[in-house]
Amino acid sequence: MPRVTVYSTASCPICVKAKNLLNKWDIDYSEVAIDTGDSGLKEFRGATQGARTVPQILIDGKLIGGFSELTELHMDGDLDELMKQDCET
């Protein structure tokens, strides 16, 4: 089971960018489309405390934010540390 969850919509170009970066960095993720049914939208609202924009990204159930926050985590080296924790546990 992937530790990363990406909430997205089909028409969101920034969602595509976020998923492309995760793929480039070899980080497995699960995607929840919030525009294809009520269950995804309901899950999104609960997991993100009512966020209004996509993508929203969670790591180990913790909301990290969107594309900007993901890239900032990566540039600061914190994303590598978060993902390394999986290997150590």
N, C-alpha and C. Protein backbone atom coordinates (compact mmCIF):
# COMPACT_ATOMS: atom_id res chain seq x y z
N MET A 1 0.85 -1.19 0.00
CA MET A 1 0.00 0.00 0.00
C MET A 1 0.89 1.25 0.00
N PRO A 2 0.70 2.13 -0.97
CA PRO A 2 1.50 3.35 -1.03
C PRO A 2 1.27 4.24 0.21
N ARG A 3 2.32 4.88 0.63
CA ARG A 3 2.25 5.79 1.77
C ARG A 3 1.77 7.18 1.36
N VAL A 4 1.79 7.45 0.06
CA VAL A 4 1.42 8.77 -0.46
C VAL A 4 0.07 8.67 -1.15
N THR A 5 -0.79 9.63 -0.84
CA THR A 5 -2.09 9.73 -1.50
C THR A 5 -2.19 11.09 -2.16
N VAL A 6 -2.62 11.10 -3.41
CA VAL A 6 -2.81 12.34 -4.17
C VAL A 6 -4.29 12.47 -4.50
N TYR A 7 -4.90 13.53 -4.01
CA TYR A 7 -6.28 13.86 -4.37
C TYR A 7 -6.22 14.80 -5.57
N SER A 8 -6.96 14.44 -6.62
CA SER A 8 -6.85 15.19 -7.87
C SER A 8 -8.16 15.19 -8.65
N THR A 9 -8.14 15.97 -9.73
CA THR A 9 -9.23 15.95 -10.70
C THR A 9 -8.61 15.71 -12.08
N ALA A 10 -9.43 15.24 -13.00
CA ALA A 10 -8.96 14.93 -14.35
C ALA A 10 -8.53 16.17 -15.12
N SER A 11 -9.11 17.32 -14.80
CA SER A 11 -8.84 18.53 -15.57
C SER A 11 -7.76 19.42 -14.95
N CYS A 12 -7.06 18.93 -13.96
CA CYS A 12 -6.07 19.74 -13.23
C CYS A 12 -4.66 19.51 -13.74
N PRO A 13 -4.07 20.50 -14.43
CA PRO A 13 -2.71 20.31 -14.94
C PRO A 13 -1.66 20.25 -13.84
N ILE A 14 -1.90 20.91 -12.73
CA ILE A 14 -0.95 20.86 -11.61
C ILE A 14 -0.96 19.48 -10.96
N CYS A 15 -2.12 18.83 -10.96
CA CYS A 15 -2.20 17.45 -10.45
C CYS A 15 -1.32 16.53 -11.29
N VAL A 16 -1.37 16.72 -12.59
CA VAL A 16 -0.54 15.93 -13.49
C VAL A 16 0.93 16.17 -13.19
N LYS A 17 1.32 17.43 -12.97
CA LYS A 17 2.71 17.75 -12.64
C LYS A 17 3.15 17.07 -11.35
N ALA A 18 2.29 17.12 -10.34
CA ALA A 18 2.63 16.49 -9.06
C ALA A 18 2.82 14.99 -9.22
N LYS A 19 1.92 14.35 -9.95
CA LYS A 19 2.03 12.90 -10.17
C LYS A 19 3.26 12.56 -11.01
N ASN A 20 3.58 13.40 -12.00
CA ASN A 20 4.78 13.18 -12.81
C ASN A 20 6.04 13.26 -11.95
N LEU A 21 6.08 14.23 -11.03
CA LEU A 21 7.25 14.34 -10.15
C LEU A 21 7.37 13.13 -9.24
N LEU A 22 6.26 12.69 -8.67
CA LEU A 22 6.31 11.50 -7.83
C LEU A 22 6.81 10.29 -8.62
N ASN A 23 6.35 10.17 -9.85
CA ASN A 23 6.84 9.07 -10.72
C ASN A 23 8.33 9.22 -10.99
N LYS A 24 8.76 10.44 -11.29
CA LYS A 24 10.18 10.70 -11.57
C LYS A 24 11.05 10.34 -10.37
N TRP A 25 10.55 10.62 -9.17
CA TRP A 25 11.30 10.34 -7.95
C TRP A 25 11.08 8.91 -7.45
N ASP A 26 10.40 8.09 -8.25
CA ASP A 26 10.11 6.69 -7.90
C ASP A 26 9.39 6.54 -6.57
N ILE A 27 8.42 7.40 -6.35
CA ILE A 27 7.60 7.34 -5.14
C ILE A 27 6.22 6.81 -5.53
N ASP A 28 5.87 5.66 -4.98
CA ASP A 28 4.55 5.09 -5.23
C ASP A 28 3.49 5.94 -4.55
N TYR A 29 2.35 6.05 -5.21
CA TYR A 29 1.24 6.81 -4.63
C TYR A 29 -0.07 6.20 -5.08
N SER A 30 -1.08 6.48 -4.29
CA SER A 30 -2.44 6.14 -4.73
C SER A 30 -3.13 7.45 -5.07
N GLU A 31 -4.00 7.38 -6.04
CA GLU A 31 -4.70 8.58 -6.49
C GLU A 31 -6.18 8.43 -6.17
N VAL A 32 -6.75 9.51 -5.66
CA VAL A 32 -8.19 9.55 -5.42
C VAL A 32 -8.74 10.70 -6.26
N ALA A 33 -9.52 10.34 -7.27
CA ALA A 33 -10.15 11.35 -8.13
C ALA A 33 -11.39 11.87 -7.41
N ILE A 34 -11.43 13.16 -7.21
CA ILE A 34 -12.57 13.72 -6.47
C ILE A 34 -13.68 14.19 -7.40
N ASP A 35 -13.47 14.04 -8.70
CA ASP A 35 -14.47 14.52 -9.65
C ASP A 35 -15.21 13.38 -10.35
N THR A 36 -15.07 12.16 -9.84
CA THR A 36 -15.73 11.04 -10.50
C THR A 36 -16.79 10.36 -9.63
N GLY A 37 -17.02 10.89 -8.45
CA GLY A 37 -18.04 10.29 -7.59
C GLY A 37 -18.02 10.90 -6.21
N ASP A 38 -19.09 10.68 -5.50
CA ASP A 38 -19.23 11.26 -4.17
C ASP A 38 -18.27 10.68 -3.16
N SER A 39 -17.90 9.41 -3.31
CA SER A 39 -17.04 8.80 -2.30
C SER A 39 -15.65 9.45 -2.27
N GLY A 40 -15.09 9.73 -3.42
CA GLY A 40 -13.78 10.39 -3.48
C GLY A 40 -13.82 11.78 -2.91
N LEU A 41 -14.88 12.51 -3.22
CA LEU A 41 -15.04 13.87 -2.72
C LEU A 41 -15.22 13.87 -1.20
N LYS A 42 -16.00 12.93 -0.71
CA LYS A 42 -16.23 12.83 0.73
C LYS A 42 -14.91 12.50 1.45
N GLU A 43 -14.16 11.54 0.91
CA GLU A 43 -12.86 11.19 1.49
C GLU A 43 -11.92 12.39 1.49
N PHE A 44 -11.89 13.12 0.37
CA PHE A 44 -11.05 14.31 0.22
C PHE A 44 -11.37 15.34 1.30
N ARG A 45 -12.65 15.62 1.48
CA ARG A 45 -13.06 16.62 2.47
C ARG A 45 -12.63 16.23 3.87
N GLY A 46 -12.77 14.96 4.20
CA GLY A 46 -12.37 14.50 5.54
C GLY A 46 -10.86 14.50 5.74
N ALA A 47 -10.13 14.05 4.73
CA ALA A 47 -8.68 13.90 4.86
C ALA A 47 -7.95 15.23 4.82
N THR A 48 -8.55 16.24 4.18
CA THR A 48 -7.86 17.52 3.99
C THR A 48 -8.44 18.65 4.81
N GLN A 49 -9.29 18.32 5.76
CA GLN A 49 -9.94 19.34 6.59
C GLN A 49 -10.63 20.42 5.75
N GLY A 50 -11.26 19.99 4.66
CA GLY A 50 -12.05 20.90 3.84
C GLY A 50 -11.27 21.71 2.83
N ALA A 51 -10.11 21.24 2.38
CA ALA A 51 -9.34 21.96 1.36
C ALA A 51 -10.22 22.20 0.14
N ARG A 52 -9.90 23.26 -0.59
CA ARG A 52 -10.71 23.62 -1.75
C ARG A 52 -9.95 23.52 -3.07
N THR A 53 -8.68 23.16 -3.00
CA THR A 53 -7.88 23.08 -4.22
C THR A 53 -7.23 21.71 -4.34
N VAL A 54 -6.90 21.35 -5.55
CA VAL A 54 -6.15 20.13 -5.82
C VAL A 54 -4.90 20.51 -6.61
N PRO A 55 -3.87 19.71 -6.55
CA PRO A 55 -3.78 18.47 -5.79
C PRO A 55 -3.61 18.74 -4.30
N GLN A 56 -4.02 17.78 -3.51
CA GLN A 56 -3.71 17.74 -2.09
C GLN A 56 -3.01 16.41 -1.87
N ILE A 57 -1.90 16.46 -1.16
CA ILE A 57 -1.05 15.28 -1.01
C ILE A 57 -0.89 14.95 0.46
N LEU A 58 -1.07 13.68 0.76
CA LEU A 58 -0.87 13.18 2.11
C LEU A 58 0.25 12.16 2.11
N ILE A 59 1.07 12.20 3.16
CA ILE A 59 2.10 11.18 3.36
C ILE A 59 1.83 10.57 4.72
N ASP A 60 1.65 9.27 4.73
CA ASP A 60 1.31 8.55 5.96
C ASP A 60 0.10 9.16 6.66
N GLY A 61 -0.87 9.61 5.86
CA GLY A 61 -2.10 10.18 6.40
C GLY A 61 -1.99 11.61 6.85
N LYS A 62 -0.81 12.20 6.75
CA LYS A 62 -0.60 13.59 7.16
C LYS A 62 -0.61 14.50 5.94
N LEU A 63 -1.44 15.51 5.98
CA LEU A 63 -1.55 16.45 4.88
C LEU A 63 -0.28 17.29 4.77
N ILE A 64 0.36 17.23 3.59
CA ILE A 64 1.53 18.08 3.38
C ILE A 64 1.20 19.29 2.53
N GLY A 65 0.08 19.26 1.83
CA GLY A 65 -0.32 20.38 0.98
C GLY A 65 -0.38 19.97 -0.48
N GLY A 66 -0.08 20.93 -1.33
CA GLY A 66 -0.19 20.71 -2.76
C GLY A 66 1.16 20.60 -3.46
N PHE A 67 1.17 20.96 -4.73
CA PHE A 67 2.35 20.85 -5.58
C PHE A 67 3.52 21.66 -5.03
N SER A 68 3.26 22.89 -4.64
CA SER A 68 4.33 23.76 -4.13
C SER A 68 4.98 23.18 -2.89
N GLU A 69 4.15 22.69 -1.98
CA GLU A 69 4.67 22.11 -0.75
C GLU A 69 5.45 20.82 -1.03
N LEU A 70 4.99 20.04 -1.99
CA LEU A 70 5.69 18.82 -2.38
C LEU A 70 7.08 19.15 -2.91
N THR A 71 7.17 20.10 -3.81
CA THR A 71 8.46 20.46 -4.38
C THR A 71 9.37 21.09 -3.33
N GLU A 72 8.81 21.86 -2.43
CA GLU A 72 9.61 22.46 -1.36
C GLU A 72 10.18 21.38 -0.44
N LEU A 73 9.35 20.40 -0.08
CA LEU A 73 9.85 19.27 0.72
C LEU A 73 11.01 18.58 0.02
N HIS A 74 10.87 18.39 -1.28
CA HIS A 74 11.92 17.73 -2.05
C HIS A 74 13.20 18.57 -2.07
N MET A 75 13.06 19.86 -2.36
CA MET A 75 14.24 20.73 -2.45
C MET A 75 14.96 20.86 -1.12
N ASP A 76 14.22 20.80 -0.02
CA ASP A 76 14.83 20.90 1.32
C ASP A 76 15.41 19.57 1.80
N GLY A 77 15.17 18.49 1.05
CA GLY A 77 15.65 17.18 1.45
C GLY A 77 14.74 16.46 2.43
N ASP A 78 13.66 17.12 2.83
CA ASP A 78 12.75 16.53 3.81
C ASP A 78 11.92 15.39 3.22
N LEU A 79 11.63 15.45 1.93
CA LEU A 79 10.86 14.38 1.30
C LEU A 79 11.66 13.07 1.32
N ASP A 80 12.94 13.17 1.03
CA ASP A 80 13.80 11.98 1.08
C ASP A 80 13.80 11.38 2.48
N GLU A 81 13.88 12.23 3.49
CA GLU A 81 13.88 11.76 4.87
C GLU A 81 12.55 11.08 5.21
N LEU A 82 11.44 11.69 4.80
CA LEU A 82 10.13 11.09 5.06
C LEU A 82 10.01 9.72 4.41
N MET A 83 10.46 9.62 3.17
CA MET A 83 10.33 8.36 2.45
C MET A 83 11.32 7.32 2.97
N LYS A 84 12.45 7.76 3.48
CA LYS A 84 13.44 6.85 4.04
C LYS A 84 12.92 6.20 5.33
N GLN A 85 12.08 6.91 6.06
CA GLN A 85 11.51 6.37 7.30
C GLN A 85 10.77 5.06 7.04
N ASP A 86 10.19 4.89 5.88
CA ASP A 86 9.49 3.66 5.51
C ASP A 86 10.46 2.48 5.49
N CYS A 87 11.64 2.72 4.99
CA CYS A 87 12.63 1.64 4.89
C CYS A 87 13.16 1.23 6.25
N GLU A 88 13.16 2.14 7.20
CA GLU A 88 13.73 1.88 8.51
C GLU A 88 12.75 1.23 9.47
N THR A 89 11.45 1.29 9.17
CA THR A 89 10.46 0.74 10.10
C THR A 89 10.07 -0.67 9.70
